[in-house]
Amino acid sequence: IETPNTSGYTRGIFPEGVWGGYYFPRHLNLFNFKSLKTFLQSAGFVVVEQYSLFEVLIWVYSFRALLERQGSRFYRFFSDTNPVCLAFFTMVDFFATALGRTTSNQKTIALKP
């Protein structure tokens, strides 16, 4: 399962409502590592591994929403098809994860015994 992580460091950076992990209507339920593990275990799964993924799209959607909310025309720069934007945020996440930061994107591998 790959889903936003509500405990990731970028969630605290962006004001309420603009964090890209909300991405309604795709993400109706949001989890952190602990709550996703608890949910899966209650459904009979065994969680094998959990780790952070790069959150490039969450960065893009967050900045886009923030600038759009402020009325700036520069929001168009922040697009999931802009290679400069995607490369920049990939580098940000590379260094953040190298420093041990938990990103706002998570992957959990679970098995049904």
PDB file of N, CA and C in Angstrom:
ATOM      1  N   ILE A   1       0.856  -1.176   0.000  1.00  0.00           N
ATOM      2  CA  ILE A   1       0.000   0.000   0.000  1.00  0.00           C
ATOM      3  C   ILE A   1       0.893   1.228   0.000  1.00  0.00           C
ATOM      4  N   GLU A   2       0.622   2.146  -0.891  1.00  0.00           N
ATOM      5  CA  GLU A   2       1.291   3.447  -0.891  1.00  0.00           C
ATOM      6  C   GLU A   2       0.223   4.501  -0.657  1.00  0.00           C
ATOM      7  N   THR A   3       0.457   5.347   0.335  1.00  0.00           N
ATOM      8  CA  THR A   3      -0.534   6.345   0.720  1.00  0.00           C
ATOM      9  C   THR A   3       0.154   7.495   1.449  1.00  0.00           C
ATOM     10  N   PRO A   4      -0.479   8.653   1.524  1.00  0.00           N
ATOM     11  CA  PRO A   4       0.126   9.746   2.283  1.00  0.00           C
ATOM     12  C   PRO A   4       0.353   9.360   3.745  1.00  0.00           C
ATOM     13  N   ASN A   5       1.334   9.990   4.351  1.00  0.00           N
ATOM     14  CA  ASN A   5       1.683   9.769   5.748  1.00  0.00           C
ATOM     15  C   ASN A   5       1.432  11.074   6.497  1.00  0.00           C
ATOM     16  N   THR A   6       0.462  11.053   7.387  1.00  0.00           N
ATOM     17  CA  THR A   6       0.105  12.276   8.112  1.00  0.00           C
ATOM     18  C   THR A   6       1.167  12.715   9.109  1.00  0.00           C
ATOM     19  N   SER A   7       2.173  11.876   9.347  1.00  0.00           N
ATOM     20  CA  SER A   7       3.263  12.249  10.251  1.00  0.00           C
ATOM     21  C   SER A   7       4.497  12.747   9.508  1.00  0.00           C
ATOM     22  N   GLY A   8       4.401  12.878   8.197  1.00  0.00           N
ATOM     23  CA  GLY A   8       5.531  13.344   7.412  1.00  0.00           C
ATOM     24  C   GLY A   8       5.851  14.802   7.680  1.00  0.00           C
ATOM     25  N   TYR A   9       7.101  15.160   7.446  1.00  0.00           N
ATOM     26  CA  TYR A   9       7.547  16.502   7.818  1.00  0.00           C
ATOM     27  C   TYR A   9       6.885  17.626   7.021  1.00  0.00           C
ATOM     28  N   THR A  10       6.430  17.391   5.795  1.00  0.00           N
ATOM     29  CA  THR A  10       5.839  18.491   5.025  1.00  0.00           C
ATOM     30  C   THR A  10       4.426  18.852   5.468  1.00  0.00           C
ATOM     31  N   ARG A  11       3.761  17.943   6.136  1.00  0.00           N
ATOM     32  CA  ARG A  11       2.396  18.266   6.569  1.00  0.00           C
ATOM     33  C   ARG A  11       2.397  19.476   7.496  1.00  0.00           C
ATOM     34  N   GLY A  12       3.420  19.621   8.292  1.00  0.00           N
ATOM     35  CA  GLY A  12       3.509  20.764   9.198  1.00  0.00           C
ATOM     36  C   GLY A  12       3.953  22.053   8.532  1.00  0.00           C
ATOM     37  N   ILE A  13       4.469  21.955   7.318  1.00  0.00           N
ATOM     38  CA  ILE A  13       4.956  23.139   6.606  1.00  0.00           C
ATOM     39  C   ILE A  13       3.810  23.927   5.975  1.00  0.00           C
ATOM     40  N   PHE A  14       2.822  23.227   5.477  1.00  0.00           N
ATOM     41  CA  PHE A  14       1.759  23.866   4.701  1.00  0.00           C
ATOM     42  C   PHE A  14       0.517  24.114   5.555  1.00  0.00           C
ATOM     43  N   PRO A  15      -0.138  25.256   5.342  1.00  0.00           N
ATOM     44  CA  PRO A  15      -1.348  25.581   6.107  1.00  0.00           C
ATOM     45  C   PRO A  15      -2.458  24.560   5.846  1.00  0.00           C
ATOM     46  N   GLU A  16      -3.390  24.546   6.756  1.00  0.00           N
ATOM     47  CA  GLU A  16      -4.527  23.629   6.661  1.00  0.00           C
ATOM     48  C   GLU A  16      -5.213  23.746   5.305  1.00  0.00           C
ATOM     49  N   GLY A  17      -5.448  22.620   4.682  1.00  0.00           N
ATOM     50  CA  GLY A  17      -6.183  22.593   3.426  1.00  0.00           C
ATOM     51  C   GLY A  17      -5.346  22.637   2.163  1.00  0.00           C
ATOM     52  N   VAL A  18      -4.056  22.963   2.253  1.00  0.00           N
ATOM     53  CA  VAL A  18      -3.253  23.005   1.034  1.00  0.00           C
ATOM     54  C   VAL A  18      -2.226  21.872   0.951  1.00  0.00           C
ATOM     55  N   TRP A  19      -2.049  21.108   2.011  1.00  0.00           N
ATOM     56  CA  TRP A  19      -1.108  19.995   1.980  1.00  0.00           C
ATOM     57  C   TRP A  19      -1.536  19.015   0.885  1.00  0.00           C
ATOM     58  N   GLY A  20      -0.608  18.694  -0.002  1.00  0.00           N
ATOM     59  CA  GLY A  20      -0.905  17.865  -1.168  1.00  0.00           C
ATOM     60  C   GLY A  20      -1.350  16.450  -0.868  1.00  0.00           C
ATOM     61  N   GLY A  21      -1.135  15.971   0.340  1.00  0.00           N
ATOM     62  CA  GLY A  21      -1.568  14.621   0.702  1.00  0.00           C
ATOM     63  C   GLY A  21      -3.066  14.468   0.825  1.00  0.00           C
ATOM     64  N   TYR A  22      -3.781  15.576   0.968  1.00  0.00           N
ATOM     65  CA  TYR A  22      -5.241  15.481   1.068  1.00  0.00           C
ATOM     66  C   TYR A  22      -5.836  14.983  -0.244  1.00  0.00           C
ATOM     67  N   TYR A  23      -5.412  15.503  -1.333  1.00  0.00           N
ATOM     68  CA  TYR A  23      -5.744  15.075  -2.690  1.00  0.00           C
ATOM     69  C   TYR A  23      -7.112  14.387  -2.806  1.00  0.00           C
ATOM     70  N   PHE A  24      -8.148  15.064  -2.352  1.00  0.00           N
ATOM     71  CA  PHE A  24      -9.521  14.573  -2.455  1.00  0.00           C
ATOM     72  C   PHE A  24      -9.919  14.503  -3.923  1.00  0.00           C
ATOM     73  N   PRO A  25     -10.604  13.498  -4.376  1.00  0.00           N
ATOM     74  CA  PRO A  25     -11.259  12.415  -3.648  1.00  0.00           C
ATOM     75  C   PRO A  25     -10.464  11.111  -3.583  1.00  0.00           C
ATOM     76  N   ARG A  26      -9.198  11.130  -3.961  1.00  0.00           N
ATOM     77  CA  ARG A  26      -8.426   9.880  -3.947  1.00  0.00           C
ATOM     78  C   ARG A  26      -8.113   9.394  -2.540  1.00  0.00           C
ATOM     79  N   HIS A  27      -7.889  10.287  -1.606  1.00  0.00           N
ATOM     80  CA  HIS A  27      -7.494   9.897  -0.262  1.00  0.00           C
ATOM     81  C   HIS A  27      -8.586  10.262   0.735  1.00  0.00           C
ATOM     82  N   LEU A  28      -9.500   9.343   0.914  1.00  0.00           N
ATOM     83  CA  LEU A  28     -10.614   9.581   1.823  1.00  0.00           C
ATOM     84  C   LEU A  28     -10.240   9.285   3.273  1.00  0.00           C
ATOM     85  N   ASN A  29      -9.279   8.390   3.462  1.00  0.00           N
ATOM     86  CA  ASN A  29      -8.789   8.044   4.796  1.00  0.00           C
ATOM     87  C   ASN A  29      -7.282   8.254   4.806  1.00  0.00           C
ATOM     88  N   LEU A  30      -6.813   8.965   5.812  1.00  0.00           N
ATOM     89  CA  LEU A  30      -5.393   9.249   5.920  1.00  0.00           C
ATOM     90  C   LEU A  30      -4.811   8.527   7.131  1.00  0.00           C
ATOM     91  N   PHE A  31      -3.558   8.085   6.978  1.00  0.00           N
ATOM     92  CA  PHE A  31      -2.901   7.291   8.012  1.00  0.00           C
ATOM     93  C   PHE A  31      -1.489   7.797   8.259  1.00  0.00           C
ATOM     94  N   ASN A  32      -0.951   7.438   9.424  1.00  0.00           N
ATOM     95  CA  ASN A  32       0.483   7.505   9.651  1.00  0.00           C
ATOM     96  C   ASN A  32       0.955   6.054   9.748  1.00  0.00           C
ATOM     97  N   PHE A  33       2.243   5.832   9.993  1.00  0.00           N
ATOM     98  CA  PHE A  33       2.736   4.455  10.045  1.00  0.00           C
ATOM     99  C   PHE A  33       1.973   3.626  11.077  1.00  0.00           C
ATOM    100  N   LYS A  34       1.813   4.174  12.262  1.00  0.00           N
ATOM    101  CA  LYS A  34       1.180   3.433  13.358  1.00  0.00           C
ATOM    102  C   LYS A  34      -0.289   3.116  13.057  1.00  0.00           C
ATOM    103  N   SER A  35      -1.040   4.111  12.605  1.00  0.00           N
ATOM    104  CA  SER A  35      -2.475   3.877  12.373  1.00  0.00           C
ATOM    105  C   SER A  35      -2.716   2.937  11.197  1.00  0.00           C
ATOM    106  N   LEU A  36      -1.872   2.988  10.169  1.00  0.00           N
ATOM    107  CA  LEU A  36      -2.025   2.063   9.048  1.00  0.00           C
ATOM    108  C   LEU A  36      -1.700   0.642   9.485  1.00  0.00           C
ATOM    109  N   LYS A  37      -0.665   0.489  10.284  1.00  0.00           N
ATOM    110  CA  LYS A  37      -0.309  -0.840  10.787  1.00  0.00           C
ATOM    111  C   LYS A  37      -1.438  -1.409  11.653  1.00  0.00           C
ATOM    112  N   THR A  38      -1.982  -0.593  12.532  1.00  0.00           N
ATOM    113  CA  THR A  38      -3.095  -1.026  13.391  1.00  0.00           C
ATOM    114  C   THR A  38      -4.303  -1.436  12.555  1.00  0.00           C
ATOM    115  N   PHE A  39      -4.628  -0.631  11.544  1.00  0.00           N
ATOM    116  CA  PHE A  39      -5.755  -0.934  10.660  1.00  0.00           C
ATOM    117  C   PHE A  39      -5.551  -2.267   9.950  1.00  0.00           C
ATOM    118  N   LEU A  40      -4.373  -2.465   9.374  1.00  0.00           N
ATOM    119  CA  LEU A  40      -4.094  -3.701   8.649  1.00  0.00           C
ATOM    120  C   LEU A  40      -4.103  -4.919   9.574  1.00  0.00           C
ATOM    121  N   GLN A  41      -3.535  -4.783  10.754  1.00  0.00           N
ATOM    122  CA  GLN A  41      -3.540  -5.893  11.697  1.00  0.00           C
ATOM    123  C   GLN A  41      -4.954  -6.248  12.139  1.00  0.00           C
ATOM    124  N   SER A  42      -5.820  -5.249  12.305  1.00  0.00           N
ATOM    125  CA  SER A  42      -7.210  -5.523  12.696  1.00  0.00           C
ATOM    126  C   SER A  42      -7.978  -6.238  11.590  1.00  0.00           C
ATOM    127  N   ALA A  43      -7.479  -6.122  10.343  1.00  0.00           N
ATOM    128  CA  ALA A  43      -8.104  -6.814   9.213  1.00  0.00           C
ATOM    129  C   ALA A  43      -7.442  -8.175   8.949  1.00  0.00           C
ATOM    130  N   GLY A  44      -6.524  -8.582   9.834  1.00  0.00           N
ATOM    131  CA  GLY A  44      -5.909  -9.896   9.717  1.00  0.00           C
ATOM    132  C   GLY A  44      -4.612  -9.949   8.926  1.00  0.00           C
ATOM    133  N   PHE A  45      -4.033  -8.806   8.617  1.00  0.00           N
ATOM    134  CA  PHE A  45      -2.770  -8.779   7.882  1.00  0.00           C
ATOM    135  C   PHE A  45      -1.589  -8.742   8.846  1.00  0.00           C
ATOM    136  N   VAL A  46      -0.462  -9.222   8.367  1.00  0.00           N
ATOM    137  CA  VAL A  46       0.796  -9.111   9.090  1.00  0.00           C
ATOM    138  C   VAL A  46       1.637  -8.082   8.343  1.00  0.00           C
ATOM    139  N   VAL A  47       2.016  -7.028   9.032  1.00  0.00           N
ATOM    140  CA  VAL A  47       2.820  -5.978   8.413  1.00  0.00           C
ATOM    141  C   VAL A  47       4.275  -6.430   8.390  1.00  0.00           C
ATOM    142  N   VAL A  48       4.830  -6.498   7.196  1.00  0.00           N
ATOM    143  CA  VAL A  48       6.199  -6.966   6.992  1.00  0.00           C
ATOM    144  C   VAL A  48       7.183  -5.803   7.048  1.00  0.00           C
ATOM    145  N   GLU A  49       6.826  -4.688   6.425  1.00  0.00           N
ATOM    146  CA  GLU A  49       7.752  -3.564   6.330  1.00  0.00           C
ATOM    147  C   GLU A  49       6.985  -2.266   6.093  1.00  0.00           C
ATOM    148  N   GLN A  50       7.510  -1.177   6.641  1.00  0.00           N
ATOM    149  CA  GLN A  50       6.977   0.161   6.403  1.00  0.00           C
ATOM    150  C   GLN A  50       8.150   1.119   6.212  1.00  0.00           C
ATOM    151  N   TYR A  51       8.036   1.997   5.230  1.00  0.00           N
ATOM    152  CA  TYR A  51       9.099   2.972   5.010  1.00  0.00           C
ATOM    153  C   TYR A  51       8.561   4.165   4.234  1.00  0.00           C
ATOM    154  N   SER A  52       9.351   5.242   4.275  1.00  0.00           N
ATOM    155  CA  SER A  52       8.999   6.476   3.567  1.00  0.00           C
ATOM    156  C   SER A  52       9.376   6.374   2.095  1.00  0.00           C
ATOM    157  N   LEU A  53       8.569   7.008   1.278  1.00  0.00           N
ATOM    158  CA  LEU A  53       8.844   7.167  -0.149  1.00  0.00           C
ATOM    159  C   LEU A  53       9.049   8.651  -0.431  1.00  0.00           C
ATOM    160  N   PHE A  54       9.695   8.959  -1.526  1.00  0.00           N
ATOM    161  CA  PHE A  54       9.793  10.364  -1.920  1.00  0.00           C
ATOM    162  C   PHE A  54       8.376  10.900  -2.129  1.00  0.00           C
ATOM    163  N   GLU A  55       8.179  12.155  -1.781  1.00  0.00           N
ATOM    164  CA  GLU A  55       6.850  12.761  -1.844  1.00  0.00           C
ATOM    165  C   GLU A  55       6.799  13.899  -2.852  1.00  0.00           C
ATOM    166  N   VAL A  56       7.391  13.682  -3.992  1.00  0.00           N
ATOM    167  CA  VAL A  56       7.503  14.724  -5.014  1.00  0.00           C
ATOM    168  C   VAL A  56       6.144  15.318  -5.372  1.00  0.00           C
ATOM    169  N   LEU A  57       5.163  14.470  -5.626  1.00  0.00           N
ATOM    170  CA  LEU A  57       3.846  14.990  -6.014  1.00  0.00           C
ATOM    171  C   LEU A  57       3.153  15.731  -4.879  1.00  0.00           C
ATOM    172  N   ILE A  58       3.381  15.308  -3.654  1.00  0.00           N
ATOM    173  CA  ILE A  58       2.796  16.028  -2.526  1.00  0.00           C
ATOM    174  C   ILE A  58       3.385  17.438  -2.444  1.00  0.00           C
ATOM    175  N   TRP A  59       4.691  17.565  -2.666  1.00  0.00           N
ATOM    176  CA  TRP A  59       5.306  18.892  -2.721  1.00  0.00           C
ATOM    177  C   TRP A  59       4.661  19.742  -3.819  1.00  0.00           C
ATOM    178  N   VAL A  60       4.551  19.180  -5.022  1.00  0.00           N
ATOM    179  CA  VAL A  60       4.006  19.913  -6.171  1.00  0.00           C
ATOM    180  C   VAL A  60       2.580  20.368  -5.889  1.00  0.00           C
ATOM    181  N   TYR A  61       1.729  19.448  -5.448  1.00  0.00           N
ATOM    182  CA  TYR A  61       0.327  19.791  -5.197  1.00  0.00           C
ATOM    183  C   TYR A  61       0.189  20.783  -4.049  1.00  0.00           C
ATOM    184  N   SER A  62       1.069  20.683  -3.049  1.00  0.00           N
ATOM    185  CA  SER A  62       1.009  21.607  -1.912  1.00  0.00           C
ATOM    186  C   SER A  62       1.345  23.032  -2.341  1.00  0.00           C
ATOM    187  N   PHE A  63       2.456  23.191  -3.056  1.00  0.00           N
ATOM    188  CA  PHE A  63       2.831  24.533  -3.518  1.00  0.00           C
ATOM    189  C   PHE A  63       1.796  25.089  -4.489  1.00  0.00           C
ATOM    190  N   ARG A  64       1.286  24.251  -5.359  1.00  0.00           N
ATOM    191  CA  ARG A  64       0.276  24.701  -6.321  1.00  0.00           C
ATOM    192  C   ARG A  64      -0.960  25.224  -5.588  1.00  0.00           C
ATOM    193  N   ALA A  65      -1.438  24.463  -4.623  1.00  0.00           N
ATOM    194  CA  ALA A  65      -2.629  24.869  -3.865  1.00  0.00           C
ATOM    195  C   ALA A  65      -2.372  26.141  -3.057  1.00  0.00           C
ATOM    196  N   LEU A  66      -1.185  26.245  -2.454  1.00  0.00           N
ATOM    197  CA  LEU A  66      -0.852  27.422  -1.667  1.00  0.00           C
ATOM    198  C   LEU A  66      -0.826  28.677  -2.534  1.00  0.00           C
ATOM    199  N   LEU A  67      -0.154  28.610  -3.668  1.00  0.00           N
ATOM    200  CA  LEU A  67      -0.070  29.773  -4.558  1.00  0.00           C
ATOM    201  C   LEU A  67      -1.418  30.113  -5.184  1.00  0.00           C
ATOM    202  N   GLU A  68      -2.172  29.090  -5.508  1.00  0.00           N
ATOM    203  CA  GLU A  68      -3.510  29.328  -6.074  1.00  0.00           C
ATOM    204  C   GLU A  68      -4.409  30.009  -5.043  1.00  0.00           C
ATOM    205  N   ARG A  69      -4.318  29.558  -3.800  1.00  0.00           N
ATOM    206  CA  ARG A  69      -5.104  30.168  -2.722  1.00  0.00           C
ATOM    207  C   ARG A  69      -4.737  31.635  -2.536  1.00  0.00           C
ATOM    208  N   GLN A  70      -3.455  31.960  -2.728  1.00  0.00           N
ATOM    209  CA  GLN A  70      -2.985  33.340  -2.569  1.00  0.00           C
ATOM    210  C   GLN A  70      -3.245  34.196  -3.803  1.00  0.00           C
ATOM    211  N   GLY A  71      -3.768  33.611  -4.866  1.00  0.00           N
ATOM    212  CA  GLY A  71      -4.079  34.363  -6.068  1.00  0.00           C
ATOM    213  C   GLY A  71      -2.895  34.581  -7.000  1.00  0.00           C
ATOM    214  N   SER A  72      -1.816  33.868  -6.772  1.00  0.00           N
ATOM    215  CA  SER A  72      -0.631  34.021  -7.606  1.00  0.00           C
ATOM    216  C   SER A  72      -0.773  33.243  -8.911  1.00  0.00           C
ATOM    217  N   ARG A  73      -0.309  33.832  -9.998  1.00  0.00           N
ATOM    218  CA  ARG A  73      -0.343  33.133 -11.285  1.00  0.00           C
ATOM    219  C   ARG A  73       0.787  32.120 -11.403  1.00  0.00           C
ATOM    220  N   PHE A  74       1.743  32.150 -10.498  1.00  0.00           N
ATOM    221  CA  PHE A  74       2.880  31.237 -10.547  1.00  0.00           C
ATOM    222  C   PHE A  74       2.510  29.803 -10.177  1.00  0.00           C
ATOM    223  N   TYR A  75       1.268  29.587  -9.733  1.00  0.00           N
ATOM    224  CA  TYR A  75       0.860  28.231  -9.376  1.00  0.00           C
ATOM    225  C   TYR A  75       0.986  27.285 -10.567  1.00  0.00           C
ATOM    226  N   ARG A  76       0.903  27.814 -11.781  1.00  0.00           N
ATOM    227  CA  ARG A  76       0.987  26.973 -12.984  1.00  0.00           C
ATOM    228  C   ARG A  76       2.357  26.315 -13.144  1.00  0.00           C
ATOM    229  N   PHE A  77       3.388  26.913 -12.556  1.00  0.00           N
ATOM    230  CA  PHE A  77       4.731  26.332 -12.602  1.00  0.00           C
ATOM    231  C   PHE A  77       4.773  24.979 -11.890  1.00  0.00           C
ATOM    232  N   PHE A  78       3.989  24.852 -10.828  1.00  0.00           N
ATOM    233  CA  PHE A  78       3.989  23.629 -10.021  1.00  0.00           C
ATOM    234  C   PHE A  78       3.010  22.625 -10.632  1.00  0.00           C
ATOM    235  N   SER A  79       3.580  21.787 -11.482  1.00  0.00           N
ATOM    236  CA  SER A  79       2.800  20.816 -12.239  1.00  0.00           C
ATOM    237  C   SER A  79       3.485  19.460 -12.172  1.00  0.00           C
ATOM    238  N   ASP A  80       2.696  18.407 -12.210  1.00  0.00           N
ATOM    239  CA  ASP A  80       3.275  17.061 -12.198  1.00  0.00           C
ATOM    240  C   ASP A  80       3.881  16.683 -13.549  1.00  0.00           C
ATOM    241  N   THR A  81       3.889  17.619 -14.491  1.00  0.00           N
ATOM    242  CA  THR A  81       4.543  17.400 -15.782  1.00  0.00           C
ATOM    243  C   THR A  81       5.733  18.329 -15.991  1.00  0.00           C
ATOM    244  N   ASN A  82       6.080  19.125 -14.995  1.00  0.00           N
ATOM    245  CA  ASN A  82       7.206  20.054 -15.097  1.00  0.00           C
ATOM    246  C   ASN A  82       8.476  19.345 -14.612  1.00  0.00           C
ATOM    247  N   PRO A  83       9.389  18.994 -15.524  1.00  0.00           N
ATOM    248  CA  PRO A  83      10.580  18.231 -15.117  1.00  0.00           C
ATOM    249  C   PRO A  83      11.495  18.986 -14.147  1.00  0.00           C
ATOM    250  N   VAL A  84      11.565  20.304 -14.263  1.00  0.00           N
ATOM    251  CA  VAL A  84      12.397  21.088 -13.347  1.00  0.00           C
ATOM    252  C   VAL A  84      11.844  20.988 -11.930  1.00  0.00           C
ATOM    253  N   CYS A  85      10.564  21.154 -11.807  1.00  0.00           N
ATOM    254  CA  CYS A  85       9.880  21.078 -10.518  1.00  0.00           C
ATOM    255  C   CYS A  85      10.048  19.677  -9.910  1.00  0.00           C
ATOM    256  N   LEU A  86       9.827  18.660 -10.701  1.00  0.00           N
ATOM    257  CA  LEU A  86       9.928  17.281 -10.218  1.00  0.00           C
ATOM    258  C   LEU A  86      11.359  16.945  -9.794  1.00  0.00           C
ATOM    259  N   ALA A  87      12.329  17.382 -10.569  1.00  0.00           N
ATOM    260  CA  ALA A  87      13.732  17.120 -10.234  1.00  0.00           C
ATOM    261  C   ALA A  87      14.128  17.824  -8.943  1.00  0.00           C
ATOM    262  N   PHE A  88      13.685  19.073  -8.793  1.00  0.00           N
ATOM    263  CA  PHE A  88      14.023  19.825  -7.583  1.00  0.00           C
ATOM    264  C   PHE A  88      13.491  19.129  -6.332  1.00  0.00           C
ATOM    265  N   PHE A  89      12.224  18.749  -6.348  1.00  0.00           N
ATOM    266  CA  PHE A  89      11.638  18.127  -5.162  1.00  0.00           C
ATOM    267  C   PHE A  89      12.171  16.707  -4.932  1.00  0.00           C
ATOM    268  N   THR A  90      12.619  16.048  -5.978  1.00  0.00           N
ATOM    269  CA  THR A  90      13.287  14.754  -5.804  1.00  0.00           C
ATOM    270  C   THR A  90      14.575  14.950  -5.009  1.00  0.00           C
ATOM    271  N   MET A  91      15.316  15.997  -5.341  1.00  0.00           N
ATOM    272  CA  MET A  91      16.550  16.285  -4.605  1.00  0.00           C
ATOM    273  C   MET A  91      16.255  16.663  -3.152  1.00  0.00           C
ATOM    274  N   VAL A  92      15.210  17.442  -2.932  1.00  0.00           N
ATOM    275  CA  VAL A  92      14.827  17.812  -1.567  1.00  0.00           C
ATOM    276  C   VAL A  92      14.549  16.560  -0.752  1.00  0.00           C
ATOM    277  N   ASP A  93      13.759  15.657  -1.310  1.00  0.00           N
ATOM    278  CA  ASP A  93      13.428  14.428  -0.588  1.00  0.00           C
ATOM    279  C   ASP A  93      14.636  13.515  -0.419  1.00  0.00           C
ATOM    280  N   PHE A  94      15.518  13.494  -1.392  1.00  0.00           N
ATOM    281  CA  PHE A  94      16.726  12.683  -1.275  1.00  0.00           C
ATOM    282  C   PHE A  94      17.520  13.109  -0.038  1.00  0.00           C
ATOM    283  N   PHE A  95      17.733  14.422   0.100  1.00  0.00           N
ATOM    284  CA  PHE A  95      18.505  14.908   1.244  1.00  0.00           C
ATOM    285  C   PHE A  95      17.724  14.770   2.549  1.00  0.00           C
ATOM    286  N   ALA A  96      16.429  14.995   2.515  1.00  0.00           N
ATOM    287  CA  ALA A  96      15.618  14.867   3.730  1.00  0.00           C
ATOM    288  C   ALA A  96      15.644  13.432   4.257  1.00  0.00           C
ATOM    289  N   THR A  97      15.477  12.466   3.364  1.00  0.00           N
ATOM    290  CA  THR A  97      15.494  11.064   3.810  1.00  0.00           C
ATOM    291  C   THR A  97      16.894  10.644   4.235  1.00  0.00           C
ATOM    292  N   ALA A  98      17.919  11.182   3.588  1.00  0.00           N
ATOM    293  CA  ALA A  98      19.295  10.879   3.998  1.00  0.00           C
ATOM    294  C   ALA A  98      19.565  11.385   5.413  1.00  0.00           C
ATOM    295  N   LEU A  99      18.861  12.448   5.805  1.00  0.00           N
ATOM    296  CA  LEU A  99      18.996  12.989   7.155  1.00  0.00           C
ATOM    297  C   LEU A  99      18.038  12.327   8.148  1.00  0.00           C
ATOM    298  N   GLY A 100      17.312  11.306   7.680  1.00  0.00           N
ATOM    299  CA  GLY A 100      16.428  10.556   8.564  1.00  0.00           C
ATOM    300  C   GLY A 100      15.037  11.117   8.728  1.00  0.00           C
ATOM    301  N   ARG A 101      14.639  12.061   7.879  1.00  0.00           N
ATOM    302  CA  ARG A 101      13.294  12.631   7.974  1.00  0.00           C
ATOM    303  C   ARG A 101      12.267  11.646   7.430  1.00  0.00           C
ATOM    304  N   THR A 102      11.103  11.615   8.024  1.00  0.00           N
ATOM    305  CA  THR A 102       9.994  10.800   7.556  1.00  0.00           C
ATOM    306  C   THR A 102       9.175  11.652   6.590  1.00  0.00           C
ATOM    307  N   THR A 103       9.025  11.193   5.368  1.00  0.00           N
ATOM    308  CA  THR A 103       8.293  11.967   4.378  1.00  0.00           C
ATOM    309  C   THR A 103       6.789  11.785   4.551  1.00  0.00           C
ATOM    310  N   SER A 104       6.046  12.533   3.784  1.00  0.00           N
ATOM    311  CA  SER A 104       4.586  12.458   3.820  1.00  0.00           C
ATOM    312  C   SER A 104       4.041  11.456   2.812  1.00  0.00           C
ATOM    313  N   ASN A 105       4.864  10.510   2.431  1.00  0.00           N
ATOM    314  CA  ASN A 105       4.438   9.442   1.531  1.00  0.00           C
ATOM    315  C   ASN A 105       5.013   8.148   2.083  1.00  0.00           C
ATOM    316  N   GLN A 106       4.165   7.148   2.229  1.00  0.00           N
ATOM    317  CA  GLN A 106       4.605   5.915   2.859  1.00  0.00           C
ATOM    318  C   GLN A 106       4.240   4.689   2.049  1.00  0.00           C
ATOM    319  N   LYS A 107       5.013   3.641   2.283  1.00  0.00           N
ATOM    320  CA  LYS A 107       4.730   2.350   1.668  1.00  0.00           C
ATOM    321  C   LYS A 107       4.708   1.316   2.782  1.00  0.00           C
ATOM    322  N   THR A 108       3.698   0.474   2.754  1.00  0.00           N
ATOM    323  CA  THR A 108       3.577  -0.604   3.710  1.00  0.00           C
ATOM    324  C   THR A 108       3.380  -1.900   2.942  1.00  0.00           C
ATOM    325  N   ILE A 109       4.150  -2.896   3.330  1.00  0.00           N
ATOM    326  CA  ILE A 109       4.013  -4.222   2.738  1.00  0.00           C
ATOM    327  C   ILE A 109       3.406  -5.124   3.810  1.00  0.00           C
ATOM    328  N   ALA A 110       2.288  -5.732   3.494  1.00  0.00           N
ATOM    329  CA  ALA A 110       1.584  -6.583   4.443  1.00  0.00           C
ATOM    330  C   ALA A 110       1.121  -7.858   3.738  1.00  0.00           C
ATOM    331  N   LEU A 111       1.058  -8.921   4.521  1.00  0.00           N
ATOM    332  CA  LEU A 111       0.638 -10.226   3.996  1.00  0.00           C
ATOM    333  C   LEU A 111      -0.568 -10.730   4.768  1.00  0.00           C
ATOM    334  N   LYS A 112      -1.407 -11.449   4.073  1.00  0.00           N
ATOM    335  CA  LYS A 112      -2.540 -12.121   4.728  1.00  0.00           C
ATOM    336  C   LYS A 112      -2.118 -13.569   4.942  1.00  0.00           C
ATOM    337  N   PRO A 113      -1.939 -13.971   6.215  1.00  0.00           N
ATOM    338  CA  PRO A 113      -1.471 -15.352   6.488  1.00  0.00           C
ATOM    339  C   PRO A 113      -2.488 -16.416   6.053  1.00  0.00           C
TER     340      PRO A 113
END
